[in-house]
PDB file of N, CA and C in Angstrom:
ATOM      1  N   MET A   1     -14.320 -32.422   1.640  1.00  0.00           N
ATOM      2  CA  MET A   1     -13.246 -32.308   0.677  1.00  0.00           C
ATOM      3  C   MET A   1     -13.738 -31.585  -0.574  1.00  0.00           C
ATOM      4  N   TYR A   2     -12.822 -30.869  -1.194  1.00  0.00           N
ATOM      5  CA  TYR A   2     -13.140 -30.173  -2.420  1.00  0.00           C
ATOM      6  C   TYR A   2     -12.781 -31.052  -3.594  1.00  0.00           C
ATOM      7  N   HIS A   3     -13.640 -31.097  -4.552  1.00  0.00           N
ATOM      8  CA  HIS A   3     -13.339 -31.833  -5.776  1.00  0.00           C
ATOM      9  C   HIS A   3     -13.019 -30.810  -6.847  1.00  0.00           C
ATOM     10  N   SER A   4     -12.427 -31.260  -7.940  1.00  0.00           N
ATOM     11  CA  SER A   4     -11.983 -30.320  -8.964  1.00  0.00           C
ATOM     12  C   SER A   4     -13.126 -29.478  -9.522  1.00  0.00           C
ATOM     13  N   GLU A   5     -14.328 -30.041  -9.681  1.00  0.00           N
ATOM     14  CA  GLU A   5     -15.461 -29.244 -10.170  1.00  0.00           C
ATOM     15  C   GLU A   5     -15.813 -28.154  -9.184  1.00  0.00           C
ATOM     16  N   ASP A   6     -15.843 -28.494  -7.885  1.00  0.00           N
ATOM     17  CA  ASP A   6     -16.132 -27.496  -6.858  1.00  0.00           C
ATOM     18  C   ASP A   6     -15.080 -26.404  -6.868  1.00  0.00           C
ATOM     19  N   ARG A   7     -13.824 -26.804  -7.014  1.00  0.00           N
ATOM     20  CA  ARG A   7     -12.723 -25.840  -7.022  1.00  0.00           C
ATOM     21  C   ARG A   7     -12.867 -24.878  -8.203  1.00  0.00           C
ATOM     22  N   ARG A   8     -13.226 -25.410  -9.386  1.00  0.00           N
ATOM     23  CA  ARG A   8     -13.398 -24.536 -10.554  1.00  0.00           C
ATOM     24  C   ARG A   8     -14.532 -23.553 -10.329  1.00  0.00           C
ATOM     25  N   ARG A   9     -15.621 -24.030  -9.732  1.00  0.00           N
ATOM     26  CA  ARG A   9     -16.764 -23.159  -9.483  1.00  0.00           C
ATOM     27  C   ARG A   9     -16.434 -22.016  -8.544  1.00  0.00           C
ATOM     28  N   ARG A  10     -15.622 -22.307  -7.524  1.00  0.00           N
ATOM     29  CA  ARG A  10     -15.346 -21.287  -6.532  1.00  0.00           C
ATOM     30  C   ARG A  10     -14.041 -20.547  -6.789  1.00  0.00           C
ATOM     31  N   ASN A  11     -13.308 -20.939  -7.824  1.00  0.00           N
ATOM     32  CA  ASN A  11     -12.029 -20.310  -8.108  1.00  0.00           C
ATOM     33  C   ASN A  11     -12.230 -18.853  -8.515  1.00  0.00           C
ATOM     34  N   HIS A  12     -11.409 -17.993  -7.969  1.00  0.00           N
ATOM     35  CA  HIS A  12     -11.482 -16.557  -8.230  1.00  0.00           C
ATOM     36  C   HIS A  12     -10.279 -16.145  -9.057  1.00  0.00           C
ATOM     37  N   THR A  13     -10.416 -15.071  -9.769  1.00  0.00           N
ATOM     38  CA  THR A  13      -9.274 -14.522 -10.474  1.00  0.00           C
ATOM     39  C   THR A  13      -8.325 -13.947  -9.441  1.00  0.00           C
ATOM     40  N   ILE A  14      -7.072 -14.337  -9.508  1.00  0.00           N
ATOM     41  CA  ILE A  14      -6.079 -13.858  -8.548  1.00  0.00           C
ATOM     42  C   ILE A  14      -5.189 -12.863  -9.266  1.00  0.00           C
ATOM     43  N   GLY A  15      -5.489 -11.588  -9.091  1.00  0.00           N
ATOM     44  CA  GLY A  15      -4.694 -10.547  -9.711  1.00  0.00           C
ATOM     45  C   GLY A  15      -3.702  -9.990  -8.719  1.00  0.00           C
ATOM     46  N   TYR A  16      -2.866  -9.129  -9.187  1.00  0.00           N
ATOM     47  CA  TYR A  16      -1.900  -8.494  -8.308  1.00  0.00           C
ATOM     48  C   TYR A  16      -2.586  -7.402  -7.515  1.00  0.00           C
ATOM     49  N   VAL A  17      -2.235  -7.312  -6.261  1.00  0.00           N
ATOM     50  CA  VAL A  17      -2.768  -6.275  -5.386  1.00  0.00           C
ATOM     51  C   VAL A  17      -1.777  -5.132  -5.436  1.00  0.00           C
ATOM     52  N   SER A  18      -2.199  -4.013  -5.997  1.00  0.00           N
ATOM     53  CA  SER A  18      -1.232  -2.943  -6.187  1.00  0.00           C
ATOM     54  C   SER A  18      -1.288  -1.890  -5.091  1.00  0.00           C
ATOM     55  N   ASP A  19      -2.443  -1.279  -4.870  1.00  0.00           N
ATOM     56  CA  ASP A  19      -2.498  -0.179  -3.918  1.00  0.00           C
ATOM     57  C   ASP A  19      -3.756  -0.292  -3.074  1.00  0.00           C
ATOM     58  N   LEU A  20      -3.575  -0.447  -1.785  1.00  0.00           N
ATOM     59  CA  LEU A  20      -4.705  -0.500  -0.868  1.00  0.00           C
ATOM     60  C   LEU A  20      -4.853   0.810  -0.107  1.00  0.00           C
ATOM     61  N   GLY A  21      -4.135   1.829  -0.560  1.00  0.00           N
ATOM     62  CA  GLY A  21      -4.206   3.120   0.119  1.00  0.00           C
ATOM     63  C   GLY A  21      -3.665   3.002   1.530  1.00  0.00           C
ATOM     64  N   ASN A  22      -4.459   3.485   2.498  1.00  0.00           N
ATOM     65  CA  ASN A  22      -4.003   3.399   3.890  1.00  0.00           C
ATOM     66  C   ASN A  22      -4.593   2.173   4.589  1.00  0.00           C
ATOM     67  N   SER A  23      -4.989   1.163   3.809  1.00  0.00           N
ATOM     68  CA  SER A  23      -5.509  -0.081   4.361  1.00  0.00           C
ATOM     69  C   SER A  23      -4.436  -1.169   4.296  1.00  0.00           C
ATOM     70  N   LYS A  24      -4.475  -2.082   5.251  1.00  0.00           N
ATOM     71  CA  LYS A  24      -3.488  -3.162   5.328  1.00  0.00           C
ATOM     72  C   LYS A  24      -4.201  -4.498   5.447  1.00  0.00           C
ATOM     73  N   ILE A  25      -3.681  -5.521   4.744  1.00  0.00           N
ATOM     74  CA  ILE A  25      -4.224  -6.873   4.844  1.00  0.00           C
ATOM     75  C   ILE A  25      -3.780  -7.457   6.177  1.00  0.00           C
ATOM     76  N   LYS A  26      -4.764  -7.884   6.982  1.00  0.00           N
ATOM     77  CA  LYS A  26      -4.505  -8.454   8.301  1.00  0.00           C
ATOM     78  C   LYS A  26      -4.732  -9.965   8.338  1.00  0.00           C
ATOM     79  N   HIS A  27      -5.549 -10.467   7.427  1.00  0.00           N
ATOM     80  CA  HIS A  27      -5.958 -11.872   7.473  1.00  0.00           C
ATOM     81  C   HIS A  27      -6.257 -12.334   6.048  1.00  0.00           C
ATOM     82  N   LEU A  28      -5.720 -13.488   5.679  1.00  0.00           N
ATOM     83  CA  LEU A  28      -5.951 -14.072   4.356  1.00  0.00           C
ATOM     84  C   LEU A  28      -6.228 -15.558   4.507  1.00  0.00           C
ATOM     85  N   VAL A  29      -7.215 -16.049   3.759  1.00  0.00           N
ATOM     86  CA  VAL A  29      -7.457 -17.487   3.681  1.00  0.00           C
ATOM     87  C   VAL A  29      -7.269 -17.869   2.220  1.00  0.00           C
ATOM     88  N   LEU A  30      -6.333 -18.794   1.977  1.00  0.00           N
ATOM     89  CA  LEU A  30      -5.980 -19.183   0.619  1.00  0.00           C
ATOM     90  C   LEU A  30      -6.175 -20.681   0.418  1.00  0.00           C
ATOM     91  N   ASP A  31      -6.524 -21.046  -0.806  1.00  0.00           N
ATOM     92  CA  ASP A  31      -6.538 -22.434  -1.257  1.00  0.00           C
ATOM     93  C   ASP A  31      -5.225 -22.616  -2.013  1.00  0.00           C
ATOM     94  N   VAL A  32      -4.346 -23.471  -1.487  1.00  0.00           N
ATOM     95  CA  VAL A  32      -3.004 -23.633  -2.037  1.00  0.00           C
ATOM     96  C   VAL A  32      -2.802 -25.092  -2.445  1.00  0.00           C
ATOM     97  N   LEU A  33      -2.180 -25.292  -3.587  1.00  0.00           N
ATOM     98  CA  LEU A  33      -1.817 -26.622  -4.063  1.00  0.00           C
ATOM     99  C   LEU A  33      -0.293 -26.724  -4.016  1.00  0.00           C
ATOM    100  N   LYS A  34       0.221 -27.803  -3.365  1.00  0.00           N
ATOM    101  CA  LYS A  34       1.667 -27.971  -3.266  1.00  0.00           C
ATOM    102  C   LYS A  34       2.035 -29.433  -3.491  1.00  0.00           C
ATOM    103  N   PRO A  35       3.296 -29.690  -3.881  1.00  0.00           N
ATOM    104  CA  PRO A  35       3.762 -31.075  -3.965  1.00  0.00           C
ATOM    105  C   PRO A  35       3.836 -31.675  -2.557  1.00  0.00           C
ATOM    106  N   HIS A  36       3.983 -33.006  -2.458  1.00  0.00           N
ATOM    107  CA  HIS A  36       4.043 -33.661  -1.150  1.00  0.00           C
ATOM    108  C   HIS A  36       5.239 -33.210  -0.311  1.00  0.00           C
ATOM    109  N   THR A  37       6.307 -32.825  -0.964  1.00  0.00           N
ATOM    110  CA  THR A  37       7.452 -32.323  -0.206  1.00  0.00           C
ATOM    111  C   THR A  37       7.576 -30.832  -0.441  1.00  0.00           C
ATOM    112  N   PRO A  38       7.843 -30.065   0.573  1.00  0.00           N
ATOM    113  CA  PRO A  38       8.175 -30.453   1.939  1.00  0.00           C
ATOM    114  C   PRO A  38       6.929 -30.861   2.729  1.00  0.00           C
ATOM    115  N   PRO A  39       7.131 -31.532   3.874  1.00  0.00           N
ATOM    116  CA  PRO A  39       5.997 -31.896   4.716  1.00  0.00           C
ATOM    117  C   PRO A  39       5.312 -30.643   5.286  1.00  0.00           C
ATOM    118  N   LEU A  40       4.077 -30.800   5.719  1.00  0.00           N
ATOM    119  CA  LEU A  40       3.283 -29.653   6.193  1.00  0.00           C
ATOM    120  C   LEU A  40       3.972 -28.823   7.279  1.00  0.00           C
ATOM    121  N   PRO A  41       4.550 -29.425   8.326  1.00  0.00           N
ATOM    122  CA  PRO A  41       5.185 -28.569   9.352  1.00  0.00           C
ATOM    123  C   PRO A  41       6.302 -27.690   8.787  1.00  0.00           C
ATOM    124  N   GLU A  42       7.104 -28.255   7.905  1.00  0.00           N
ATOM    125  CA  GLU A  42       8.188 -27.484   7.295  1.00  0.00           C
ATOM    126  C   GLU A  42       7.624 -26.376   6.400  1.00  0.00           C
ATOM    127  N   PHE A  43       6.603 -26.695   5.612  1.00  0.00           N
ATOM    128  CA  PHE A  43       5.988 -25.704   4.725  1.00  0.00           C
ATOM    129  C   PHE A  43       5.362 -24.570   5.540  1.00  0.00           C
ATOM    130  N   ALA A  44       4.657 -24.911   6.627  1.00  0.00           N
ATOM    131  CA  ALA A  44       4.026 -23.889   7.470  1.00  0.00           C
ATOM    132  C   ALA A  44       5.088 -22.978   8.092  1.00  0.00           C
ATOM    133  N   SER A  45       6.174 -23.560   8.570  1.00  0.00           N
ATOM    134  CA  SER A  45       7.264 -22.757   9.145  1.00  0.00           C
ATOM    135  C   SER A  45       7.862 -21.829   8.103  1.00  0.00           C
ATOM    136  N   TYR A  46       8.042 -22.353   6.902  1.00  0.00           N
ATOM    137  CA  TYR A  46       8.572 -21.550   5.805  1.00  0.00           C
ATOM    138  C   TYR A  46       7.651 -20.360   5.515  1.00  0.00           C
ATOM    139  N   LEU A  47       6.339 -20.596   5.470  1.00  0.00           N
ATOM    140  CA  LEU A  47       5.390 -19.513   5.207  1.00  0.00           C
ATOM    141  C   LEU A  47       5.442 -18.455   6.303  1.00  0.00           C
ATOM    142  N   GLY A  48       5.697 -18.875   7.522  1.00  0.00           N
ATOM    143  CA  GLY A  48       5.772 -17.943   8.640  1.00  0.00           C
ATOM    144  C   GLY A  48       7.025 -17.090   8.655  1.00  0.00           C
ATOM    145  N   GLU A  49       7.958 -17.351   7.757  1.00  0.00           N
ATOM    146  CA  GLU A  49       9.196 -16.574   7.696  1.00  0.00           C
ATOM    147  C   GLU A  49       9.000 -15.154   7.185  1.00  0.00           C
ATOM    148  N   LEU A  50       7.898 -14.907   6.497  1.00  0.00           N
ATOM    149  CA  LEU A  50       7.666 -13.549   5.982  1.00  0.00           C
ATOM    150  C   LEU A  50       7.528 -12.579   7.152  1.00  0.00           C
ATOM    151  N   GLU A  51       8.193 -11.456   7.042  1.00  0.00           N
ATOM    152  CA  GLU A  51       8.274 -10.476   8.129  1.00  0.00           C
ATOM    153  C   GLU A  51       6.912 -10.025   8.650  1.00  0.00           C
ATOM    154  N   GLU A  52       5.970  -9.781   7.760  1.00  0.00           N
ATOM    155  CA  GLU A  52       4.679  -9.232   8.183  1.00  0.00           C
ATOM    156  C   GLU A  52       3.678 -10.298   8.638  1.00  0.00           C
ATOM    157  N   VAL A  53       4.038 -11.566   8.528  1.00  0.00           N
ATOM    158  CA  VAL A  53       3.156 -12.660   8.948  1.00  0.00           C
ATOM    159  C   VAL A  53       3.430 -12.979  10.410  1.00  0.00           C
ATOM    160  N   THR A  54       2.360 -12.974  11.240  1.00  0.00           N
ATOM    161  CA  THR A  54       2.507 -13.267  12.664  1.00  0.00           C
ATOM    162  C   THR A  54       2.029 -14.668  13.026  1.00  0.00           C
ATOM    163  N   LYS A  55       1.175 -15.256  12.195  1.00  0.00           N
ATOM    164  CA  LYS A  55       0.642 -16.591  12.483  1.00  0.00           C
ATOM    165  C   LYS A  55       0.227 -17.250  11.176  1.00  0.00           C
ATOM    166  N   VAL A  56       0.481 -18.570  11.059  1.00  0.00           N
ATOM    167  CA  VAL A  56       0.077 -19.349   9.889  1.00  0.00           C
ATOM    168  C   VAL A  56      -0.634 -20.604  10.376  1.00  0.00           C
ATOM    169  N   ASP A  57      -1.778 -20.907   9.769  1.00  0.00           N
ATOM    170  CA  ASP A  57      -2.547 -22.111  10.090  1.00  0.00           C
ATOM    171  C   ASP A  57      -2.744 -22.872   8.781  1.00  0.00           C
ATOM    172  N   VAL A  58      -2.168 -24.074   8.683  1.00  0.00           N
ATOM    173  CA  VAL A  58      -2.241 -24.871   7.458  1.00  0.00           C
ATOM    174  C   VAL A  58      -3.029 -26.147   7.731  1.00  0.00           C
ATOM    175  N   SER A  59      -4.054 -26.394   6.919  1.00  0.00           N
ATOM    176  CA  SER A  59      -4.861 -27.614   7.036  1.00  0.00           C
ATOM    177  C   SER A  59      -4.856 -28.361   5.712  1.00  0.00           C
ATOM    178  N   LEU A  60      -4.687 -29.671   5.789  1.00  0.00           N
ATOM    179  CA  LEU A  60      -4.760 -30.520   4.607  1.00  0.00           C
ATOM    180  C   LEU A  60      -6.228 -30.746   4.274  1.00  0.00           C
ATOM    181  N   VAL A  61      -6.614 -30.429   3.038  1.00  0.00           N
ATOM    182  CA  VAL A  61      -7.997 -30.573   2.591  1.00  0.00           C
ATOM    183  C   VAL A  61      -8.162 -31.837   1.759  1.00  0.00           C
ATOM    184  N   GLU A  62      -7.190 -32.057   0.874  1.00  0.00           N
ATOM    185  CA  GLU A  62      -7.266 -33.199  -0.041  1.00  0.00           C
ATOM    186  C   GLU A  62      -5.859 -33.582  -0.474  1.00  0.00           C
ATOM    187  N   MET A  63      -5.658 -34.867  -0.750  1.00  0.00           N
ATOM    188  CA  MET A  63      -4.360 -35.338  -1.195  1.00  0.00           C
ATOM    189  C   MET A  63      -4.553 -36.320  -2.346  1.00  0.00           C
ATOM    190  N   ASP A  64      -3.673 -36.221  -3.352  1.00  0.00           N
ATOM    191  CA  ASP A  64      -3.674 -37.221  -4.413  1.00  0.00           C
ATOM    192  C   ASP A  64      -2.263 -37.783  -4.533  1.00  0.00           C
ATOM    193  N   GLU A  65      -1.965 -38.459  -5.621  1.00  0.00           N
ATOM    194  CA  GLU A  65      -0.666 -39.111  -5.768  1.00  0.00           C
ATOM    195  C   GLU A  65       0.507 -38.145  -5.746  1.00  0.00           C
ATOM    196  N   ARG A  66       0.319 -36.941  -6.267  1.00  0.00           N
ATOM    197  CA  ARG A  66       1.432 -36.006  -6.419  1.00  0.00           C
ATOM    198  C   ARG A  66       1.319 -34.727  -5.611  1.00  0.00           C
ATOM    199  N   THR A  67       0.108 -34.341  -5.243  1.00  0.00           N
ATOM    200  CA  THR A  67      -0.074 -33.020  -4.632  1.00  0.00           C
ATOM    201  C   THR A  67      -0.963 -33.063  -3.394  1.00  0.00           C
ATOM    202  N   GLU A  68      -0.932 -31.950  -2.678  1.00  0.00           N
ATOM    203  CA  GLU A  68      -1.780 -31.732  -1.514  1.00  0.00           C
ATOM    204  C   GLU A  68      -2.514 -30.410  -1.700  1.00  0.00           C
ATOM    205  N   SER A  69      -3.808 -30.421  -1.445  1.00  0.00           N
ATOM    206  CA  SER A  69      -4.602 -29.186  -1.432  1.00  0.00           C
ATOM    207  C   SER A  69      -4.686 -28.723   0.007  1.00  0.00           C
ATOM    208  N   LEU A  70      -4.358 -27.478   0.222  1.00  0.00           N
ATOM    209  CA  LEU A  70      -4.286 -26.933   1.570  1.00  0.00           C
ATOM    210  C   LEU A  70      -5.191 -25.722   1.737  1.00  0.00           C
ATOM    211  N   ARG A  71      -5.676 -25.547   2.951  1.00  0.00           N
ATOM    212  CA  ARG A  71      -6.333 -24.302   3.359  1.00  0.00           C
ATOM    213  C   ARG A  71      -5.306 -23.613   4.245  1.00  0.00           C
ATOM    214  N   VAL A  72      -4.844 -22.440   3.808  1.00  0.00           N
ATOM    215  CA  VAL A  72      -3.800 -21.730   4.538  1.00  0.00           C
ATOM    216  C   VAL A  72      -4.356 -20.393   5.013  1.00  0.00           C
ATOM    217  N   VAL A  73      -4.275 -20.194   6.323  1.00  0.00           N
ATOM    218  CA  VAL A  73      -4.764 -18.956   6.933  1.00  0.00           C
ATOM    219  C   VAL A  73      -3.556 -18.171   7.431  1.00  0.00           C
ATOM    220  N   PHE A  74      -3.443 -16.933   6.962  1.00  0.00           N
ATOM    221  CA  PHE A  74      -2.367 -16.038   7.381  1.00  0.00           C
ATOM    222  C   PHE A  74      -2.942 -14.927   8.237  1.00  0.00           C
ATOM    223  N   HIS A  75      -2.251 -14.620   9.318  1.00  0.00           N
ATOM    224  CA  HIS A  75      -2.561 -13.456  10.145  1.00  0.00           C
ATOM    225  C   HIS A  75      -1.307 -12.592  10.127  1.00  0.00           C
ATOM    226  N   GLY A  76      -1.490 -11.286  10.129  1.00  0.00           N
ATOM    227  CA  GLY A  76      -0.311 -10.440  10.129  1.00  0.00           C
ATOM    228  C   GLY A  76      -0.648  -8.973  10.158  1.00  0.00           C
ATOM    229  N   ASN A  77       0.372  -8.200   9.905  1.00  0.00           N
ATOM    230  CA  ASN A  77       0.259  -6.743   9.917  1.00  0.00           C
ATOM    231  C   ASN A  77       0.754  -6.209   8.589  1.00  0.00           C
ATOM    232  N   GLY A  78      -0.188  -5.923   7.696  1.00  0.00           N
ATOM    233  CA  GLY A  78       0.206  -5.398   6.389  1.00  0.00           C
ATOM    234  C   GLY A  78       0.805  -6.443   5.493  1.00  0.00           C
ATOM    235  N   ILE A  79       0.129  -7.573   5.334  1.00  0.00           N
ATOM    236  CA  ILE A  79       0.626  -8.657   4.490  1.00  0.00           C
ATOM    237  C   ILE A  79       0.692  -8.195   3.037  1.00  0.00           C
ATOM    238  N   ASP A  80       1.834  -8.362   2.426  1.00  0.00           N
ATOM    239  CA  ASP A  80       2.046  -8.002   1.023  1.00  0.00           C
ATOM    240  C   ASP A  80       1.692  -9.230   0.177  1.00  0.00           C
ATOM    241  N   PHE A  81       0.554  -9.184  -0.509  1.00  0.00           N
ATOM    242  CA  PHE A  81       0.064 -10.349  -1.239  1.00  0.00           C
ATOM    243  C   PHE A  81       1.013 -10.787  -2.348  1.00  0.00           C
ATOM    244  N   ASP A  82       1.557  -9.847  -3.090  1.00  0.00           N
ATOM    245  CA  ASP A  82       2.464 -10.197  -4.182  1.00  0.00           C
ATOM    246  C   ASP A  82       3.725 -10.886  -3.654  1.00  0.00           C
ATOM    247  N   LYS A  83       4.264 -10.373  -2.559  1.00  0.00           N
ATOM    248  CA  LYS A  83       5.430 -10.965  -1.927  1.00  0.00           C
ATOM    249  C   LYS A  83       5.091 -12.365  -1.390  1.00  0.00           C
ATOM    250  N   LEU A  84       3.904 -12.511  -0.827  1.00  0.00           N
ATOM    251  CA  LEU A  84       3.438 -13.795  -0.314  1.00  0.00           C
ATOM    252  C   LEU A  84       3.324 -14.822  -1.441  1.00  0.00           C
ATOM    253  N   ARG A  85       2.721 -14.423  -2.557  1.00  0.00           N
ATOM    254  CA  ARG A  85       2.568 -15.330  -3.696  1.00  0.00           C
ATOM    255  C   ARG A  85       3.933 -15.802  -4.197  1.00  0.00           C
ATOM    256  N   GLU A  86       4.876 -14.899  -4.284  1.00  0.00           N
ATOM    257  CA  GLU A  86       6.229 -15.257  -4.734  1.00  0.00           C
ATOM    258  C   GLU A  86       6.883 -16.219  -3.738  1.00  0.00           C
ATOM    259  N   HIS A  87       6.719 -15.959  -2.460  1.00  0.00           N
ATOM    260  CA  HIS A  87       7.293 -16.801  -1.402  1.00  0.00           C
ATOM    261  C   HIS A  87       6.724 -18.224  -1.487  1.00  0.00           C
ATOM    262  N   VAL A  88       5.405 -18.334  -1.650  1.00  0.00           N
ATOM    263  CA  VAL A  88       4.729 -19.633  -1.763  1.00  0.00           C
ATOM    264  C   VAL A  88       5.263 -20.415  -2.958  1.00  0.00           C
ATOM    265  N   SER A  89       5.485 -19.746  -4.061  1.00  0.00           N
ATOM    266  CA  SER A  89       5.896 -20.422  -5.296  1.00  0.00           C
ATOM    267  C   SER A  89       7.314 -20.989  -5.226  1.00  0.00           C
ATOM    268  N   ARG A  90       8.141 -20.492  -4.330  1.00  0.00           N
ATOM    269  CA  ARG A  90       9.522 -20.991  -4.221  1.00  0.00           C
ATOM    270  C   ARG A  90       9.577 -22.455  -3.793  1.00  0.00           C
ATOM    271  N   TYR A  91       8.517 -22.952  -3.194  1.00  0.00           N
ATOM    272  CA  TYR A  91       8.450 -24.363  -2.796  1.00  0.00           C
ATOM    273  C   TYR A  91       7.595 -25.165  -3.771  1.00  0.00           C
ATOM    274  N   GLY A  92       7.336 -24.607  -4.949  1.00  0.00           N
ATOM    275  CA  GLY A  92       6.570 -25.319  -5.965  1.00  0.00           C
ATOM    276  C   GLY A  92       5.075 -25.304  -5.735  1.00  0.00           C
ATOM    277  N   ALA A  93       4.614 -24.466  -4.829  1.00  0.00           N
ATOM    278  CA  ALA A  93       3.183 -24.373  -4.526  1.00  0.00           C
ATOM    279  C   ALA A  93       2.559 -23.247  -5.352  1.00  0.00           C
ATOM    280  N   VAL A  94       1.241 -23.319  -5.506  1.00  0.00           N
ATOM    281  CA  VAL A  94       0.517 -22.307  -6.263  1.00  0.00           C
ATOM    282  C   VAL A  94      -0.776 -21.959  -5.516  1.00  0.00           C
ATOM    283  N   ILE A  95      -1.118 -20.687  -5.533  1.00  0.00           N
ATOM    284  CA  ILE A  95      -2.362 -20.233  -4.924  1.00  0.00           C
ATOM    285  C   ILE A  95      -3.481 -20.447  -5.927  1.00  0.00           C
ATOM    286  N   HIS A  96      -4.459 -21.278  -5.567  1.00  0.00           N
ATOM    287  CA  HIS A  96      -5.603 -21.525  -6.450  1.00  0.00           C
ATOM    288  C   HIS A  96      -6.666 -20.457  -6.300  1.00  0.00           C
ATOM    289  N   SER A  97      -6.904 -20.026  -5.066  1.00  0.00           N
ATOM    290  CA  SER A  97      -7.911 -18.988  -4.866  1.00  0.00           C
ATOM    291  C   SER A  97      -7.679 -18.266  -3.555  1.00  0.00           C
ATOM    292  N   VAL A  98      -8.188 -17.052  -3.514  1.00  0.00           N
ATOM    293  CA  VAL A  98      -8.238 -16.260  -2.287  1.00  0.00           C
ATOM    294  C   VAL A  98      -9.672 -16.393  -1.793  1.00  0.00           C
ATOM    295  N   ASP A  99      -9.835 -17.054  -0.639  1.00  0.00           N
ATOM    296  CA  ASP A  99     -11.168 -17.364  -0.151  1.00  0.00           C
ATOM    297  C   ASP A  99     -11.687 -16.359   0.873  1.00  0.00           C
ATOM    298  N   GLN A 100     -10.783 -15.631   1.524  1.00  0.00           N
ATOM    299  CA  GLN A 100     -11.214 -14.605   2.479  1.00  0.00           C
ATOM    300  C   GLN A 100     -10.081 -13.614   2.670  1.00  0.00           C
ATOM    301  N   VAL A 101     -10.454 -12.343   2.828  1.00  0.00           N
ATOM    302  CA  VAL A 101      -9.488 -11.276   3.094  1.00  0.00           C
ATOM    303  C   VAL A 101     -10.080 -10.350   4.138  1.00  0.00           C
ATOM    304  N   VAL A 102      -9.268  -9.996   5.125  1.00  0.00           N
ATOM    305  CA  VAL A 102      -9.664  -8.975   6.101  1.00  0.00           C
ATOM    306  C   VAL A 102      -8.658  -7.842   5.964  1.00  0.00           C
ATOM    307  N   VAL A 103      -9.179  -6.651   5.726  1.00  0.00           N
ATOM    308  CA  VAL A 103      -8.338  -5.462   5.564  1.00  0.00           C
ATOM    309  C   VAL A 103      -8.760  -4.447   6.598  1.00  0.00           C
ATOM    310  N   GLU A 104      -7.760  -3.803   7.237  1.00  0.00           N
ATOM    311  CA  GLU A 104      -8.039  -2.753   8.222  1.00  0.00           C
ATOM    312  C   GLU A 104      -7.380  -1.474   7.780  1.00  0.00           C
ATOM    313  N   LYS A 105      -8.049  -0.373   8.065  1.00  0.00           N
ATOM    314  CA  LYS A 105      -7.456   0.931   7.795  1.00  0.00           C
ATOM    315  C   LYS A 105      -6.415   1.231   8.845  1.00  0.00           C
ATOM    316  N   THR A 106      -5.376   1.934   8.413  1.00  0.00           N
ATOM    317  CA  THR A 106      -4.322   2.345   9.343  1.00  0.00           C
ATOM    318  C   THR A 106      -4.389   3.848   9.488  1.00  0.00           C
ATOM    319  N   GLU A 107      -3.840   4.315  10.585  1.00  0.00           N
ATOM    320  CA  GLU A 107      -3.780   5.763  10.819  1.00  0.00           C
ATOM    321  C   GLU A 107      -2.759   6.376   9.889  1.00  0.00           C
ATOM    322  N   ASN A 108      -3.028   7.593   9.448  1.00  0.00           N
ATOM    323  CA  ASN A 108      -2.081   8.281   8.566  1.00  0.00           C
ATOM    324  C   ASN A 108      -0.947   8.853   9.356  1.00  0.00           C
TER     325      ASN A 108
END
């Protein structure tokens, strides 16, 4: 489990992703904090609604009285990070850190 000190140590600055040129995000691992509702299956299904997302894997890392810390893995084709962040926030969740990114070049 991650504790708040560990989270602060590993927390990264999450800026907007503007231009990746001819590269596309294929895989993202995020540390997400969300309220207890909606339940995990509903939240995971909601995250999978984004057009460019092909698979979502959500794991509960830690839980307290009000929130759940999640490890969320996205697979897809050209995931739009800014759109993803906005989508996540509609359920009251927030991205704490981007822990892994896989980007592939696309043909012109």
